[in-house]
Protein backbone atom coordinates (compact mmCIF):
# COMPACT_ATOMS: atom_id res chain seq x y z
CA MET A 1 85.43 48.59 8.13
CA SER A 2 87.79 45.86 6.87
CA ARG A 3 86.85 43.47 4.08
CA ALA A 4 86.89 40.54 6.51
CA THR A 5 84.53 42.37 8.86
CA LEU A 6 82.24 43.24 5.96
CA TYR A 7 82.07 39.62 4.82
CA ALA A 8 81.37 38.51 8.40
CA TYR A 9 78.46 40.94 8.65
CA VAL A 10 77.10 39.71 5.30
CA SER A 11 77.29 36.07 6.41
CA ARG A 12 75.34 36.95 9.57
CA GLY A 13 72.66 38.74 7.58
CA LEU A 14 73.50 42.15 9.03
CA VAL A 15 74.54 43.70 5.71
CA ARG A 16 72.40 43.16 2.63
CA THR A 17 74.10 42.46 -0.68
CA MET A 18 72.93 41.99 -4.24
CA GLU A 19 74.17 41.71 -7.81
CA GLY A 20 75.38 44.83 -9.58
CA PRO A 21 72.94 46.04 -12.27
CA ASP A 22 75.63 45.95 -14.96
CA ASP A 23 77.59 42.86 -13.92
CA PRO A 24 76.18 39.87 -11.97
CA ARG A 25 79.70 39.06 -10.73
CA ARG A 26 79.90 42.43 -9.03
CA ARG A 27 78.38 42.71 -5.54
CA LEU A 28 76.75 45.80 -4.07
CA TYR A 29 76.59 46.23 -0.32
CA SER A 30 73.97 48.28 1.53
CA ARG A 31 75.57 51.52 2.63
CA HIS A 32 72.57 52.01 4.92
CA ASP A 33 73.35 48.75 6.75
CA ILE A 34 77.07 49.57 6.96
CA ASP A 35 76.37 53.08 8.29
CA ARG A 36 73.90 51.65 10.80
CA LEU A 37 76.42 49.13 12.10
CA SER A 38 79.10 51.82 12.34
CA LYS A 39 76.70 54.07 14.20
CA ASN A 40 75.73 51.28 16.59
CA LYS A 41 79.39 50.63 17.31
CA SER A 42 80.08 54.31 17.94
CA VAL A 43 77.17 54.76 20.36
CA GLY A 44 78.05 51.63 22.29
CA ARG A 45 75.59 49.29 23.92
CA LYS A 46 73.86 51.64 26.33
CA PRO A 47 70.08 51.19 25.88
CA ARG A 48 69.46 54.93 25.65
CA ASP A 49 72.11 55.34 22.94
CA VAL A 50 70.73 52.44 20.92
CA ALA A 51 67.20 53.76 21.30
CA ALA A 52 68.22 57.18 20.01
CA THR A 53 69.43 55.68 16.72
CA THR A 54 66.17 53.84 15.97
CA LEU A 55 64.50 57.01 14.71
CA ASP A 56 67.11 57.50 11.96
CA TRP A 57 66.86 54.48 9.61
CA GLY A 58 67.75 52.37 12.64
CA LEU A 59 66.43 49.18 14.19
CA PRO A 60 62.70 48.39 13.82
CA VAL A 61 60.65 50.13 16.50
CA LEU A 62 57.28 48.40 16.16
CA SER A 63 55.73 45.28 14.66
CA SER A 64 53.61 45.41 11.50
CA GLY A 65 52.17 42.82 9.16
CA ILE A 66 51.59 45.24 6.28
CA THR A 67 54.80 45.74 4.30
CA LEU A 68 58.22 44.14 4.13
CA ILE A 69 61.28 45.62 2.40
CA GLU A 70 63.92 42.94 2.01
CA ASP A 71 66.74 42.10 -0.41
CA GLY A 72 65.76 44.86 -2.82
CA HIS A 73 62.12 43.80 -2.98
CA LEU A 74 58.87 45.32 -1.73
CA PHE A 75 56.16 43.01 -0.39
CA TYR A 76 52.57 43.77 0.61
CA ARG A 77 51.49 41.16 3.16
CA GLY A 78 53.96 38.74 1.64
CA ARG A 79 53.10 39.44 -2.01
CA ASP A 80 55.57 41.10 -4.38
CA ALA A 81 54.34 44.65 -5.03
CA VAL A 82 55.95 44.80 -8.48
CA LYS A 83 54.07 41.68 -9.54
CA LEU A 84 50.83 43.00 -8.07
CA ALA A 85 51.27 46.19 -10.07
CA GLU A 86 51.28 44.23 -13.32
CA HIS A 87 47.57 43.42 -13.08
CA GLN A 88 45.93 44.66 -9.87
CA THR A 89 44.13 47.93 -9.17
CA LEU A 90 44.71 50.12 -6.15
CA GLU A 91 41.32 49.00 -4.84
CA LYS A 92 42.39 45.34 -4.93
CA VAL A 93 45.57 46.20 -3.07
CA ALA A 94 43.54 48.19 -0.54
CA ARG A 95 41.47 45.11 0.22
CA LEU A 96 44.71 43.18 0.76
CA LEU A 97 46.32 45.80 3.00
CA TRP A 98 43.11 46.51 4.94
CA SER A 99 42.60 42.76 5.53
CA CYS A 100 39.16 42.72 3.91
CA GLU A 101 39.74 40.41 0.94
CA ASP A 102 36.62 38.44 1.84
CA HIS A 103 34.54 41.60 1.77
CA ASP A 104 34.42 44.34 -0.87
CA PRO A 105 33.77 47.72 0.75
CA PHE A 106 34.08 49.41 -2.66
CA VAL A 107 30.71 48.18 -3.92
CA LYS A 108 28.81 50.91 -2.11
CA THR A 109 27.98 54.12 -3.96
CA VAL A 110 29.84 57.26 -2.95
CA ASN A 111 27.58 59.87 -1.38
CA VAL A 112 30.20 62.59 -0.93
CA GLU A 113 29.65 65.70 -3.02
CA TRP A 114 31.33 69.04 -2.61
CA ASN A 115 29.79 72.40 -3.26
CA ALA A 116 31.09 73.92 -6.51
CA ALA A 117 32.01 77.11 -4.67
CA LEU A 118 34.08 75.07 -2.20
CA LEU A 119 35.98 73.39 -5.03
CA ASP A 120 36.67 76.75 -6.62
CA LEU A 121 37.79 78.19 -3.31
CA THR A 122 40.31 75.41 -2.69
CA LYS A 123 41.60 74.78 -6.22
CA ASP A 124 44.59 77.13 -5.87
CA LEU A 125 45.71 75.83 -2.47
CA PRO A 126 48.85 73.67 -2.29
CA LEU A 127 47.90 70.04 -2.82
CA THR A 128 48.14 68.81 0.76
CA GLU A 129 46.28 71.81 2.15
CA ARG A 130 43.57 71.36 -0.49
CA CYS A 131 43.12 67.73 0.50
CA GLN A 132 42.97 68.59 4.19
CA ALA A 133 40.45 71.38 3.62
CA LEU A 134 38.13 69.15 1.58
CA LEU A 135 38.47 66.18 3.94
CA ALA A 136 36.94 68.32 6.66
CA PHE A 137 33.65 67.95 4.78
CA VAL A 138 33.77 64.15 4.61
CA ASP A 139 31.60 63.05 7.52
CA ALA A 140 32.48 59.40 6.96
CA GLY A 141 36.01 59.99 8.17
CA ARG A 142 35.19 61.96 11.29
CA MET A 143 34.13 59.11 13.58
CA THR A 144 36.59 58.17 16.28
CA ALA A 145 38.05 54.70 16.02
CA TRP A 146 38.85 53.94 19.63
CA GLN A 147 37.51 50.48 20.51
CA ARG A 148 35.68 50.16 17.18
CA ASP A 149 35.86 47.07 14.98
CA ASN A 150 37.86 47.79 11.83
CA ARG A 151 35.05 46.32 9.73
CA VAL A 152 32.87 49.23 10.77
CA LEU A 153 35.52 51.61 9.43
CA TRP A 154 35.92 50.08 5.95
CA PRO A 155 33.14 52.20 4.36
CA SER A 156 34.74 55.31 5.87
CA ALA A 157 38.10 54.24 4.44
CA VAL A 158 36.58 53.94 0.96
CA ALA A 159 34.92 57.35 1.23
CA LEU A 160 38.21 58.92 2.30
CA LEU A 161 40.20 57.29 -0.51
CA ARG A 162 37.69 58.49 -3.09
CA SER A 163 37.66 61.94 -1.52
CA ILE A 164 41.47 62.19 -1.61
CA THR A 165 41.40 61.11 -5.27
CA ALA A 166 38.92 63.86 -6.08
CA ALA A 167 40.70 66.46 -3.95
CA ILE A 168 44.08 65.99 -5.65
CA SER A 169 42.41 66.51 -9.04
CA SER A 170 39.95 69.26 -7.94
CA SER A 171 36.97 67.16 -9.00
CA GLN A 172 33.89 65.57 -7.49
CA PRO A 173 34.30 62.12 -5.89
CA SER A 174 33.10 59.15 -7.94
CA ALA A 175 32.81 55.37 -7.66
CA LEU A 176 35.31 54.84 -10.49
CA PRO A 177 38.58 53.05 -9.71
CA VAL A 178 41.14 55.64 -8.69
CA HIS A 179 43.26 55.30 -11.85
CA LEU A 180 40.22 55.66 -14.11
CA HIS A 181 38.94 58.67 -12.17
CA LEU A 182 42.29 60.43 -12.57
CA ALA A 183 42.58 59.40 -16.22
CA ARG A 184 39.16 60.90 -16.92
CA VAL A 185 39.87 64.18 -15.12
CA TRP A 186 43.32 64.49 -16.68
CA ASN A 187 42.13 63.33 -20.11
CA ILE A 188 44.55 60.41 -20.34
CA ASP A 189 44.21 57.54 -22.84
CA GLU A 190 44.00 53.85 -21.93
CA ALA A 191 47.76 53.28 -22.05
CA GLY A 192 48.36 56.26 -19.77
CA ALA A 193 45.65 55.08 -17.39
CA ASP A 194 47.42 51.75 -17.07
CA ILE A 195 50.68 53.48 -16.16
CA ILE A 196 48.80 55.44 -13.50
CA ARG A 197 47.27 52.20 -12.20
CA ARG A 198 50.68 50.56 -11.84
CA THR A 199 52.11 53.67 -10.21
CA LEU A 200 49.36 53.84 -7.60
CA VAL A 201 49.83 50.19 -6.65
CA LEU A 202 53.59 50.63 -6.19
CA LEU A 203 52.99 53.71 -4.02
CA ALA A 204 50.36 52.09 -1.80
CA ASP A 205 52.73 51.59 1.12
CA HIS A 206 56.40 51.67 2.04
CA GLU A 207 56.71 50.31 5.55
CA LEU A 208 57.30 52.75 8.43
CA ASN A 209 58.23 55.91 6.52
CA ALA A 210 57.69 59.37 8.00
CA SER A 211 54.07 59.75 6.90
CA ALA A 212 53.10 56.22 7.96
CA PHE A 213 54.68 56.76 11.37
CA ALA A 214 52.89 60.10 11.76
CA THR A 215 49.65 58.36 10.84
CA ARG A 216 50.23 55.65 13.43
CA VAL A 217 51.04 58.14 16.17
CA VAL A 218 47.72 59.91 15.58
CA ALA A 219 45.88 56.59 15.27
CA SER A 220 47.31 55.48 18.61
CA THR A 221 45.37 58.31 20.29
CA GLY A 222 42.08 56.89 19.01
CA ALA A 223 41.53 59.77 16.60
CA SER A 224 39.39 59.42 13.47
CA LEU A 225 40.58 58.03 10.17
CA GLY A 226 40.27 61.52 8.73
CA ALA A 227 42.57 62.91 11.41
CA CYS A 228 45.07 60.14 10.68
CA LEU A 229 45.10 61.08 7.00
CA ASP A 230 45.63 64.73 7.92
CA ALA A 231 48.83 63.68 9.66
CA GLY A 232 49.97 61.54 6.73
CA LEU A 233 49.35 64.36 4.26
CA SER A 234 51.28 66.85 6.38
CA ALA A 235 54.32 64.58 6.57
CA LEU A 236 54.13 63.74 2.86
CA SER A 237 54.36 67.40 1.89
CA GLY A 238 57.91 67.81 3.20
CA PRO A 239 60.82 67.96 0.70
CA LEU A 240 62.47 64.95 2.34
CA HIS A 241 59.38 62.84 1.62
CA GLY A 242 56.73 63.25 -1.12
CA GLY A 243 57.76 66.86 -1.63
CA MET A 244 61.01 65.50 -3.05
CA THR A 245 59.17 65.36 -6.40
CA SER A 246 59.24 69.16 -6.56
CA LEU A 247 63.04 69.09 -6.23
CA VAL A 248 63.27 66.45 -8.95
CA GLU A 249 61.14 68.69 -11.18
CA ILE A 250 63.71 71.47 -10.74
CA LEU A 251 66.52 69.06 -11.64
CA PHE A 252 64.67 67.99 -14.78
CA ASP A 253 64.11 71.64 -15.74
CA GLU A 254 67.84 72.25 -15.43
CA ILE A 255 68.58 69.26 -17.65
CA GLU A 256 66.12 70.51 -20.26
CA ASP A 257 67.82 73.92 -20.39
CA ALA A 258 71.41 72.68 -20.28
CA ARG A 259 73.68 71.47 -23.07
CA SER A 260 74.13 68.15 -21.34
CA ALA A 261 73.17 66.23 -18.21
CA ALA A 262 76.84 65.91 -17.30
CA GLU A 263 77.12 69.69 -17.10
CA VAL A 264 74.23 69.93 -14.63
CA VAL A 265 75.40 67.02 -12.51
CA GLU A 266 78.94 68.42 -12.26
CA LYS A 267 77.73 71.90 -11.29
CA ARG A 268 75.39 70.50 -8.66
CA LEU A 269 78.04 68.32 -7.12
CA ARG A 270 80.53 71.20 -7.06
CA ARG A 271 77.99 73.40 -5.29
CA GLY A 272 77.09 70.61 -2.89
CA ASP A 273 73.45 70.78 -3.96
CA GLY A 274 73.03 67.04 -4.31
CA LEU A 275 70.93 65.08 -6.78
CA PRO A 276 67.35 64.70 -5.52
CA GLY A 277 65.60 61.49 -6.47
CA PHE A 278 68.71 59.34 -6.64
CA GLU A 279 69.70 56.60 -4.16
CA HIS A 280 67.40 55.08 -1.56
CA PRO A 281 68.92 53.81 1.70
CA LEU A 282 66.72 50.70 1.68
CA TYR A 283 67.57 49.72 -1.90
CA PRO A 284 71.35 49.53 -2.46
CA GLY A 285 70.73 47.85 -5.83
CA GLY A 286 68.14 50.39 -6.98
CA ASP A 287 64.53 51.21 -6.16
CA PRO A 288 62.38 48.39 -7.61
CA ARG A 289 59.46 50.79 -8.06
CA ALA A 290 61.50 53.03 -10.36
CA ALA A 291 62.87 49.97 -12.15
CA ALA A 292 59.31 48.78 -12.81
CA LEU A 293 57.89 52.14 -13.94
CA LEU A 294 60.60 53.82 -16.02
CA PRO A 295 60.64 51.14 -18.77
CA LEU A 296 56.94 51.80 -19.36
CA LEU A 297 57.76 55.25 -20.72
CA GLY A 298 58.85 56.16 -24.20
CA PRO A 299 62.51 56.96 -24.94
CA ASN A 300 63.70 60.30 -23.65
CA GLU A 301 67.30 61.15 -24.41
CA LYS A 302 67.79 63.76 -21.71
CA ARG A 303 66.17 61.69 -18.99
CA GLN A 304 68.23 58.66 -19.90
CA SER A 305 71.37 60.78 -20.09
CA LEU A 306 70.70 62.08 -16.58
CA ILE A 307 70.18 58.57 -15.16
CA GLU A 308 73.31 57.23 -16.87
CA THR A 309 75.44 60.23 -15.88
CA VAL A 310 74.45 60.02 -12.22
CA ALA A 311 75.10 56.27 -12.17
CA GLU A 312 78.52 56.68 -13.78
CA THR A 313 79.50 59.68 -11.65
CA THR A 314 78.16 58.69 -8.24
CA GLY A 315 76.90 55.11 -8.53
CA LYS A 316 73.44 56.29 -7.45
CA LEU A 317 70.28 54.93 -9.08
CA PRO A 318 66.88 56.61 -9.54
CA THR A 319 64.17 56.34 -6.92
CA VAL A 320 60.41 56.36 -7.36
CA ASP A 321 60.52 60.18 -7.20
CA VAL A 322 62.36 60.27 -10.53
CA ALA A 323 59.83 57.82 -11.95
CA LEU A 324 56.91 59.96 -10.77
CA VAL A 325 58.26 63.14 -12.33
CA SER A 326 59.08 61.25 -15.54
CA ILE A 327 55.52 59.92 -15.69
CA ARG A 328 54.05 63.36 -15.10
CA ARG A 329 56.04 64.82 -17.96
CA GLU A 330 55.56 61.88 -20.31
CA LEU A 331 51.76 61.88 -19.88
CA GLY A 332 51.45 65.66 -19.86
CA LEU A 333 49.87 65.70 -16.41
CA PRO A 334 49.33 69.05 -14.64
CA PRO A 335 52.06 70.52 -12.39
CA GLY A 336 52.02 68.85 -9.00
CA ALA A 337 50.58 65.60 -10.37
CA ALA A 338 53.64 63.64 -9.23
CA LEU A 339 52.86 64.47 -5.61
CA ALA A 340 49.15 63.95 -6.31
CA LEU A 341 49.78 60.37 -7.45
CA PHE A 342 51.94 59.82 -4.37
CA ALA A 343 49.14 61.05 -2.08
CA ALA A 344 46.41 58.99 -3.75
CA GLY A 345 48.37 55.76 -3.69
CA ARG A 346 49.78 56.21 -0.20
CA THR A 347 46.33 56.93 1.25
CA VAL A 348 45.71 53.18 1.08
CA GLY A 349 48.81 52.50 3.17
CA TRP A 350 48.01 55.22 5.69
CA ILE A 351 44.59 53.71 6.25
CA ALA A 352 46.14 50.24 6.61
CA HIS A 353 48.57 51.53 9.24
CA ALA A 354 45.79 53.36 11.09
CA LEU A 355 43.59 50.25 11.13
CA GLU A 356 46.49 48.11 12.36
CA GLN A 357 47.40 50.64 15.04
CA PHE A 358 43.79 50.88 16.23
CA GLN A 359 43.99 47.19 17.16
CA GLU A 360 47.01 47.82 19.39
CA LYS A 361 44.90 50.00 21.70
CA LYS A 362 47.92 51.71 23.18
CA LEU A 363 49.49 55.13 22.85
CA ILE A 364 52.74 55.64 20.95
CA ARG A 365 54.66 57.79 23.39
CA PRO A 366 58.49 57.69 23.16
CA ARG A 367 60.63 59.49 25.70
CA ALA A 368 63.01 62.34 24.92
CA ARG A 369 66.61 62.51 26.08
CA TYR A 370 66.83 65.90 27.74
CA ALA A 371 69.70 68.03 26.40
CA GLY A 372 68.78 71.46 27.79
CA PRO A 373 70.05 73.49 30.75
CA GLN A 374 70.32 71.65 34.03
CA PRO A 375 67.33 72.30 36.29
CA GLU A 376 67.67 74.50 39.33
CA ARG A 377 67.39 72.44 42.47
CA THR A 378 66.75 73.77 45.93
């Protein structure tokens, strides 16, 4: 792509640009937008070719009033998520995303309680499987939603959020705000609890990512809220989504054991292993969630060395996955807590997407382009 073509795309709003983090005179251009335009040009203008690219960071495929990602910022129903995280709780954000700001469904007392033997039986399961196993015992989430008013489902949504919070921490559900419940179970002080609160708010939703789309597909069938969350949890567990935190943990372990971050980065790049947790296609100037959370942590020479080395070597900046793993380690949270925080916060967004999809009252059913053997015809 020539410089003139690039500038033309920028002027038409097709390629996002922003100031460089180290020099306001330097401009960064969205590689995601450039790759998308190049891909669109290569596939031509045939409707079926264009449609095929929409499932890979392509053009928007459905309308939503929940979250907007634009110009390096994240907005929940038009409100800056980073600013919301400064003072709001996850519950407040849930009311915003669920469109129930005039009604507080969180005032009701939780009546979910799990048998101690059940908790013990599930405590060693992988996090997503543990959540799914325990959710099966939450009656509030089992009702079907087809042709039901969303207001009827708000109490079920609260019960499910509180159940997910308890499931990720192998504890009994409570009426405490999510960040305070986790702080109590994990024995975190007030400052740590506030970091958890901010983290949960920034994780509440992220537009039409894989888990949100999976949730909406299930919701479009009229399935229960609980079934929708099952789908979201399954998608979140993958290493290209929430499971990315486990790969970042491995990277951090390597940095801890190495003489320098530069040594690890060089070896990984030579092997072609990549650097998990760095660069997000939607944020060419850096993930605003990571930028908001990392400064809350105390100085850590090796972590900072890693971030600086990657930036200098590849130009890539940390994503929220790096922030989550950094928070887990800084606060001394149990292994897997990075993914646990992801699941708790994102539950609010999954519910919002399910509630929005319920109102569409139509099935999400894309068509496949057949690429198998030609059929036998007689």
